[in-house]
Protein backbone atom coordinates (compact mmCIF):
# COMPACT_ATOMS: atom_id res chain seq x y z
CA MET A 1 -38.89 1.36 -17.77
CA GLU A 2 -37.82 -2.60 -17.83
CA ILE A 3 -40.49 -4.73 -19.33
CA THR A 4 -41.41 -7.85 -17.29
CA PRO A 5 -40.25 -11.39 -18.03
CA ARG A 6 -43.94 -12.21 -19.68
CA GLN A 7 -43.90 -8.91 -21.81
CA LYS A 8 -40.72 -9.96 -23.36
CA PHE A 9 -41.71 -13.75 -24.23
CA ILE A 10 -44.87 -12.02 -25.67
CA HIS A 11 -42.77 -9.77 -27.84
CA ALA A 12 -40.39 -12.64 -29.09
CA LEU A 13 -44.02 -14.79 -29.91
CA ASN A 14 -44.93 -11.28 -31.92
CA ARG A 15 -41.18 -11.42 -33.51
CA GLN A 16 -40.71 -7.69 -32.21
CA PRO A 17 -37.66 -6.11 -31.29
CA ILE A 18 -36.41 -6.73 -27.56
CA SER A 19 -33.16 -5.69 -25.96
CA GLY A 20 -30.88 -7.68 -23.01
CA ARG A 21 -31.06 -11.64 -22.74
CA VAL A 22 -33.36 -13.63 -24.98
CA PRO A 23 -36.22 -14.98 -23.09
CA HIS A 24 -36.22 -18.35 -22.10
CA PHE A 25 -38.16 -20.93 -20.39
CA GLU A 26 -38.59 -25.20 -20.47
CA LEU A 27 -41.68 -26.69 -21.37
CA VAL A 28 -41.07 -29.14 -18.15
CA PHE A 29 -38.41 -28.83 -15.50
CA TYR A 30 -38.68 -32.44 -14.06
CA LEU A 31 -35.82 -31.75 -11.58
CA THR A 32 -37.14 -30.20 -8.71
CA MET A 33 -36.33 -33.03 -6.17
CA GLU A 34 -32.44 -32.17 -6.91
CA ALA A 35 -32.91 -28.22 -7.56
CA PHE A 36 -35.83 -27.79 -4.09
CA GLY A 37 -36.04 -31.36 -2.41
CA LYS A 38 -39.63 -31.37 -3.74
CA VAL A 39 -41.35 -34.46 -6.25
CA HIS A 40 -42.52 -32.47 -9.44
CA PRO A 41 -46.10 -31.39 -9.10
CA CYS A 42 -47.24 -33.95 -11.92
CA HIS A 43 -46.13 -36.82 -9.74
CA ARG A 44 -48.00 -35.72 -6.50
CA LEU A 45 -51.02 -36.59 -4.54
CA TYR A 46 -53.48 -36.32 -7.51
CA LYS A 47 -54.45 -40.00 -7.01
CA GLN A 48 -55.43 -39.08 -3.51
CA TRP A 49 -57.33 -35.48 -4.65
CA ASP A 50 -60.97 -36.91 -4.59
CA GLN A 51 -60.36 -37.84 -0.51
CA MET A 52 -59.17 -34.58 0.40
CA GLU A 53 -60.87 -32.27 2.38
CA LYS A 54 -61.51 -29.07 0.75
CA LYS A 55 -58.67 -27.44 3.51
CA GLU A 56 -55.96 -30.33 2.22
CA GLN A 57 -56.84 -29.33 -1.68
CA LEU A 58 -56.04 -25.57 -1.13
CA LEU A 59 -52.55 -26.54 0.79
CA HIS A 60 -51.97 -28.65 -1.96
CA ARG A 61 -52.61 -26.17 -4.84
CA LYS A 62 -50.71 -23.74 -3.19
CA ASP A 63 -47.36 -26.32 -2.86
CA ILE A 64 -47.96 -26.60 -6.63
CA ALA A 65 -48.03 -23.29 -7.81
CA ASP A 66 -44.92 -22.23 -5.11
CA ILE A 67 -43.07 -25.51 -6.87
CA TYR A 68 -43.81 -23.67 -10.43
CA LEU A 69 -42.75 -20.10 -9.65
CA GLN A 70 -39.69 -21.46 -7.60
CA ILE A 71 -38.39 -23.16 -10.90
CA ALA A 72 -39.29 -19.93 -12.68
CA GLN A 73 -37.42 -17.71 -10.58
CA ARG A 74 -34.68 -19.89 -9.84
CA PHE A 75 -33.80 -20.44 -13.84
CA GLU A 76 -34.83 -17.14 -15.08
CA HIS A 77 -37.90 -18.83 -16.96
CA SER A 78 -40.04 -16.21 -18.68
CA ALA A 79 -43.12 -18.51 -19.04
CA VAL A 80 -44.60 -21.11 -16.59
CA PHE A 81 -45.93 -24.30 -18.34
CA LEU A 82 -48.96 -25.69 -15.79
CA MET A 83 -49.56 -29.22 -15.83
CA ASN A 84 -52.74 -30.70 -13.71
CA ASN A 85 -53.21 -34.46 -13.69
CA ILE A 86 -57.19 -33.82 -12.48
CA ASP A 87 -59.54 -34.15 -15.45
CA SER A 88 -61.00 -30.60 -14.26
CA THR A 89 -61.11 -27.43 -16.10
CA GLU A 90 -62.42 -25.71 -12.88
CA GLU A 91 -59.19 -27.04 -11.04
CA MET A 92 -56.70 -25.81 -13.71
CA ILE A 93 -58.37 -22.30 -13.69
CA ARG A 94 -57.69 -22.11 -9.88
CA LEU A 95 -54.37 -23.35 -10.21
CA ILE A 96 -53.92 -20.70 -12.97
CA GLU A 97 -56.02 -17.71 -10.53
CA LEU A 98 -53.37 -18.92 -7.71
CA VAL A 99 -50.34 -18.69 -9.57
CA LYS A 100 -51.36 -15.32 -10.94
CA GLU A 101 -52.35 -14.12 -7.64
CA LYS A 102 -48.78 -15.00 -6.23
CA SER A 103 -46.79 -13.50 -8.95
CA GLY A 104 -48.71 -11.21 -10.73
CA ASP A 105 -48.35 -10.34 -14.43
CA LYS A 106 -44.43 -11.51 -13.95
CA TYR A 107 -44.68 -14.51 -16.09
CA PHE A 108 -46.12 -15.85 -19.12
CA THR A 109 -48.61 -18.77 -18.37
CA MET A 110 -49.21 -21.36 -20.64
CA ILE A 111 -51.02 -25.08 -20.68
CA HIS A 112 -51.57 -28.09 -22.93
CA GLY A 113 -54.06 -27.74 -25.29
CA ASP A 114 -53.40 -30.04 -28.54
CA ALA A 115 -56.57 -32.35 -29.52
CA THR A 116 -54.96 -33.24 -33.10
CA LEU A 117 -53.72 -37.22 -33.79
CA GLY A 118 -50.25 -37.92 -33.18
CA ILE A 119 -47.70 -40.87 -32.71
CA PRO A 120 -49.32 -43.50 -30.77
CA GLY A 121 -48.06 -45.63 -28.07
CA GLY A 122 -46.71 -48.89 -29.16
CA GLU A 123 -49.67 -50.86 -28.55
CA LYS A 124 -51.76 -49.27 -30.23
CA MET A 125 -49.71 -48.59 -33.43
CA LEU A 126 -51.02 -51.00 -35.36
CA ASP A 127 -54.65 -50.73 -34.73
CA PHE A 128 -54.31 -46.68 -35.41
CA VAL A 129 -52.73 -47.70 -38.87
CA TYR A 130 -55.60 -50.37 -39.62
CA ARG A 131 -58.10 -47.31 -38.88
CA LEU A 132 -56.59 -44.73 -40.93
CA ASN A 133 -57.38 -47.18 -44.01
CA ASP A 134 -60.29 -49.01 -42.96
CA GLU A 135 -62.24 -46.17 -41.59
CA PRO A 136 -60.98 -42.73 -42.16
CA GLU A 137 -64.25 -40.82 -41.96
CA LYS A 138 -64.82 -42.15 -38.64
CA VAL A 139 -61.22 -41.07 -37.58
CA LYS A 140 -61.83 -37.44 -38.95
CA SER A 141 -65.04 -37.54 -37.39
CA GLU A 142 -63.87 -38.17 -33.89
CA SER A 143 -60.75 -35.69 -34.72
CA TYR A 144 -63.46 -33.12 -35.28
CA GLU A 145 -65.08 -33.85 -32.27
CA LEU A 146 -61.99 -33.82 -29.88
CA VAL A 147 -60.68 -30.07 -31.44
CA ASN A 148 -64.53 -29.06 -30.73
CA LYS A 149 -64.35 -30.37 -26.84
CA ALA A 150 -60.72 -28.44 -26.55
CA LEU A 151 -62.09 -25.11 -27.68
CA LYS A 152 -65.27 -25.65 -25.37
CA LYS A 153 -62.91 -25.78 -22.70
CA ALA A 154 -60.89 -22.35 -24.28
CA GLU A 155 -64.31 -20.84 -23.89
CA GLN A 156 -64.72 -21.52 -20.15
CA ILE A 157 -61.36 -20.86 -19.53
CA LYS A 158 -61.63 -17.46 -21.35
CA LYS A 159 -65.05 -16.70 -19.56
CA SER A 160 -62.95 -17.01 -15.86
CA ASN A 161 -60.86 -14.49 -16.59
CA CYS A 162 -57.99 -16.00 -14.76
CA GLY A 163 -55.31 -14.65 -17.11
CA LEU A 164 -53.92 -17.91 -19.11
CA ASP A 165 -51.88 -16.58 -21.96
CA CYS A 166 -51.36 -19.42 -23.72
CA PHE A 167 -52.24 -22.96 -25.33
CA THR A 168 -48.69 -25.41 -25.93
CA LEU A 169 -50.11 -28.06 -28.35
CA CYS A 170 -48.13 -30.89 -27.19
CA THR A 171 -48.61 -33.76 -29.68
CA ASP A 172 -45.65 -35.53 -31.26
CA TYR A 173 -45.35 -35.93 -34.98
CA GLY A 174 -42.51 -37.17 -36.01
CA MET A 175 -39.86 -39.90 -35.32
CA ASN A 176 -36.06 -39.25 -36.00
CA ALA A 177 -36.38 -40.46 -39.56
CA GLY A 178 -39.29 -38.43 -40.43
CA PRO A 179 -42.99 -37.88 -39.32
CA PHE A 180 -45.02 -40.64 -38.74
CA LEU A 181 -47.79 -39.81 -41.49
CA SER A 182 -46.76 -38.82 -44.80
CA PRO A 183 -47.40 -35.35 -46.02
CA ALA A 184 -50.47 -36.73 -47.89
CA GLN A 185 -51.83 -38.51 -44.88
CA PHE A 186 -50.80 -35.49 -42.71
CA SER A 187 -52.77 -33.01 -44.63
CA GLU A 188 -56.17 -35.37 -44.68
CA PHE A 189 -55.62 -36.65 -41.14
CA VAL A 190 -53.94 -33.63 -39.02
CA THR A 191 -53.79 -30.36 -40.82
CA PRO A 192 -57.22 -29.37 -40.88
CA TYR A 193 -58.01 -30.01 -37.23
CA LEU A 194 -54.72 -28.23 -36.21
CA GLN A 195 -55.60 -25.03 -38.50
CA LYS A 196 -59.23 -25.34 -36.85
CA LEU A 197 -57.67 -25.44 -33.21
CA ILE A 198 -55.15 -22.81 -33.74
CA GLN A 199 -57.41 -20.58 -35.09
CA GLY A 200 -59.84 -21.50 -32.61
CA TYR A 201 -56.95 -20.26 -29.95
CA ARG A 202 -56.56 -17.22 -31.49
CA ASP A 203 -59.97 -16.05 -31.72
CA LEU A 204 -60.42 -16.31 -28.18
CA GLY A 205 -56.90 -14.26 -27.65
CA PHE A 206 -54.85 -16.93 -26.78
CA TYR A 207 -51.20 -17.44 -28.01
CA THR A 208 -50.49 -20.85 -29.25
CA ILE A 209 -47.24 -23.11 -29.65
CA LYS A 210 -46.96 -26.05 -31.16
CA HIS A 211 -44.56 -28.70 -29.56
CA THR A 212 -43.52 -31.71 -31.61
CA ASP A 213 -40.28 -33.90 -31.58
CA GLY A 214 -38.86 -35.40 -33.93
CA ASN A 215 -37.96 -34.84 -37.72
CA ILE A 216 -40.87 -32.58 -39.17
CA MET A 217 -39.58 -31.02 -42.44
CA PRO A 218 -41.06 -32.91 -44.54
CA VAL A 219 -44.72 -31.68 -43.04
CA LEU A 220 -43.44 -28.37 -41.19
CA ASP A 221 -44.88 -26.19 -44.34
CA GLN A 222 -48.20 -27.57 -43.24
CA ILE A 223 -47.58 -27.09 -39.48
CA ILE A 224 -46.51 -23.67 -40.05
CA ALA A 225 -49.53 -22.74 -42.36
CA CYS A 226 -51.48 -23.48 -39.43
CA LYS A 227 -50.36 -20.06 -37.99
CA PRO A 228 -48.68 -21.06 -34.53
CA HIS A 229 -47.56 -18.20 -33.26
CA ALA A 230 -44.35 -20.30 -32.14
CA LEU A 231 -42.65 -24.11 -32.61
CA HIS A 232 -40.85 -25.89 -30.39
CA SER A 233 -38.53 -27.88 -30.06
CA ILE A 234 -36.31 -27.97 -33.30
CA ASP A 235 -35.17 -31.23 -32.25
CA PRO A 236 -31.58 -31.99 -33.37
CA GLN A 237 -31.26 -35.36 -32.51
CA ALA A 238 -33.67 -35.88 -35.89
CA GLY A 239 -31.63 -33.71 -37.75
CA MET A 240 -34.06 -30.55 -37.66
CA ASP A 241 -31.40 -27.50 -37.80
CA ILE A 242 -32.79 -24.08 -36.55
CA ARG A 243 -30.41 -22.28 -39.22
CA GLU A 244 -32.45 -23.98 -42.08
CA VAL A 245 -35.58 -23.22 -40.06
CA LYS A 246 -35.12 -19.72 -39.04
CA LYS A 247 -34.31 -19.44 -42.84
CA LEU A 248 -37.30 -20.94 -44.32
CA TYR A 249 -40.03 -19.52 -41.70
CA GLY A 250 -38.27 -17.34 -39.36
CA ALA A 251 -40.06 -14.47 -40.97
CA THR A 252 -43.62 -15.67 -39.62
CA THR A 253 -42.90 -18.08 -36.99
CA CYS A 254 -41.44 -17.17 -33.51
CA LEU A 255 -38.73 -20.67 -33.16
CA ILE A 256 -38.24 -21.91 -29.48
CA GLY A 257 -35.65 -24.68 -28.55
CA ASN A 258 -32.94 -26.73 -30.50
CA VAL A 259 -30.42 -26.92 -27.65
CA ASN A 260 -29.44 -30.82 -27.78
CA CYS A 261 -30.89 -33.05 -24.60
CA ALA A 262 -28.68 -35.60 -25.83
CA GLU A 263 -25.83 -33.21 -24.94
CA LEU A 264 -27.59 -32.15 -22.10
CA ASP A 265 -27.74 -35.57 -20.83
CA THR A 266 -24.92 -37.42 -21.46
CA GLY A 267 -22.60 -34.82 -23.50
CA SER A 268 -19.55 -33.05 -21.75
CA GLU A 269 -19.73 -29.11 -20.92
CA LYS A 270 -18.09 -28.36 -24.33
CA LYS A 271 -20.68 -30.09 -25.83
CA VAL A 272 -23.41 -28.98 -24.26
CA ARG A 273 -21.77 -25.22 -24.53
CA GLU A 274 -21.25 -25.71 -28.19
CA SER A 275 -25.23 -27.02 -28.88
CA THR A 276 -26.33 -23.39 -27.05
CA ALA A 277 -24.05 -21.47 -28.63
CA TYR A 278 -25.41 -22.67 -31.95
CA ALA A 279 -29.18 -22.16 -30.72
CA LEU A 280 -28.46 -18.85 -29.69
CA GLN A 281 -26.24 -17.84 -32.59
CA ASN A 282 -28.88 -19.14 -35.25
CA GLY A 283 -31.90 -18.50 -33.71
CA MET A 284 -31.40 -14.75 -31.76
CA PRO A 285 -30.89 -13.00 -35.33
CA GLY A 286 -34.02 -10.78 -36.69
CA TYR A 287 -35.55 -11.63 -33.55
CA GLY A 288 -38.64 -14.12 -32.60
CA TYR A 289 -36.43 -16.55 -30.68
CA ILE A 290 -36.89 -18.31 -27.29
CA PHE A 291 -34.20 -19.94 -25.98
CA SER A 292 -34.46 -23.67 -24.47
CA SER A 293 -33.63 -27.13 -24.63
CA SER A 294 -34.91 -29.41 -27.71
CA ASN A 295 -37.40 -31.34 -25.39
CA CYS A 296 -37.31 -30.81 -21.89
CA ILE A 297 -35.27 -31.06 -18.57
CA TYR A 298 -36.41 -34.42 -17.90
CA THR A 299 -35.83 -36.83 -14.98
CA GLY A 300 -32.58 -38.46 -14.99
CA MET A 301 -30.94 -35.47 -16.31
CA GLN A 302 -27.75 -33.91 -14.43
CA LEU A 303 -28.73 -30.17 -13.18
CA SER A 304 -25.74 -29.68 -13.56
CA SER A 305 -25.66 -29.87 -17.34
CA TYR A 306 -28.75 -27.52 -17.24
CA GLU A 307 -26.53 -24.77 -15.45
CA VAL A 308 -23.74 -24.96 -18.03
CA MET A 309 -26.24 -24.10 -20.54
CA LEU A 310 -27.87 -21.26 -18.68
CA ASP A 311 -24.04 -20.38 -18.08
CA GLU A 312 -23.46 -19.89 -21.37
CA TRP A 313 -26.56 -18.11 -22.44
CA LYS A 314 -26.18 -15.66 -19.90
CA LYS A 315 -22.67 -15.13 -21.72
CA THR A 316 -24.03 -15.09 -25.12
CA GLY A 317 -27.48 -14.79 -25.30
CA ASN A 318 -27.87 -10.71 -25.05
CA TYR A 319 -29.17 -8.42 -27.77
């Protein structure tokens, strides 16, 4: 009996043997206008949500769910990452329930769930650096409260039995040159809270995927020690080499990504195929690999380049 895309995704997260094509998903697929003639769900009518009648909200929610499932079906994703610009756990639960109602257990479902400190925006960067030095205990206290708030939300989602599988922790720690915080600072201001967050999600029965761009090699041992089920996105633009990461951590952690987004954006078909083949050849051995780009399929990228990436995956990404 053939397993579902969701089951195959879970096998990969658990680093268990699978047969057939290696599972694939993208954290976000923004090219819905080019692919389906529809604006991506995260850019839709949320600002008008409170003005809508319940009937309008339901129609809008159904449209959002349909777009996510169209993406998964057309591009053979095994997982769906649901975004929601409404600050309402109840509304997120309704969306998860609707996706499950429409697709059953076919797809692995995940939402954002990070609460740790990452790289601040440019306008806040100087203040952030000063705070780490001037009021470190206050920063730690705030981090602790953010983690507790995230876990309370997770408890509410768990009690709803909506069927969510995973929290993806989408906070960036690194730039191309290296982590924003030194390893010592990272161990003080990030690692304890990341560990508490991941363990809390695990205790509730959720999977965890840690996403971060940039060169994170100097702090990767700390991230892996927090025991996320998977690491995404292994950024080659920052010098992250999936062959090296697989050698160091592939026995304990599922790896996701490494297809170079710069090549997908402006590279030739040859370069896209080369990057895709490299990620597959070095990620797949020993299992515990999920195929994806090194970030997401973002606005402005050519759909045809992503389709070249998928064509190479279909040809060479098979166990």
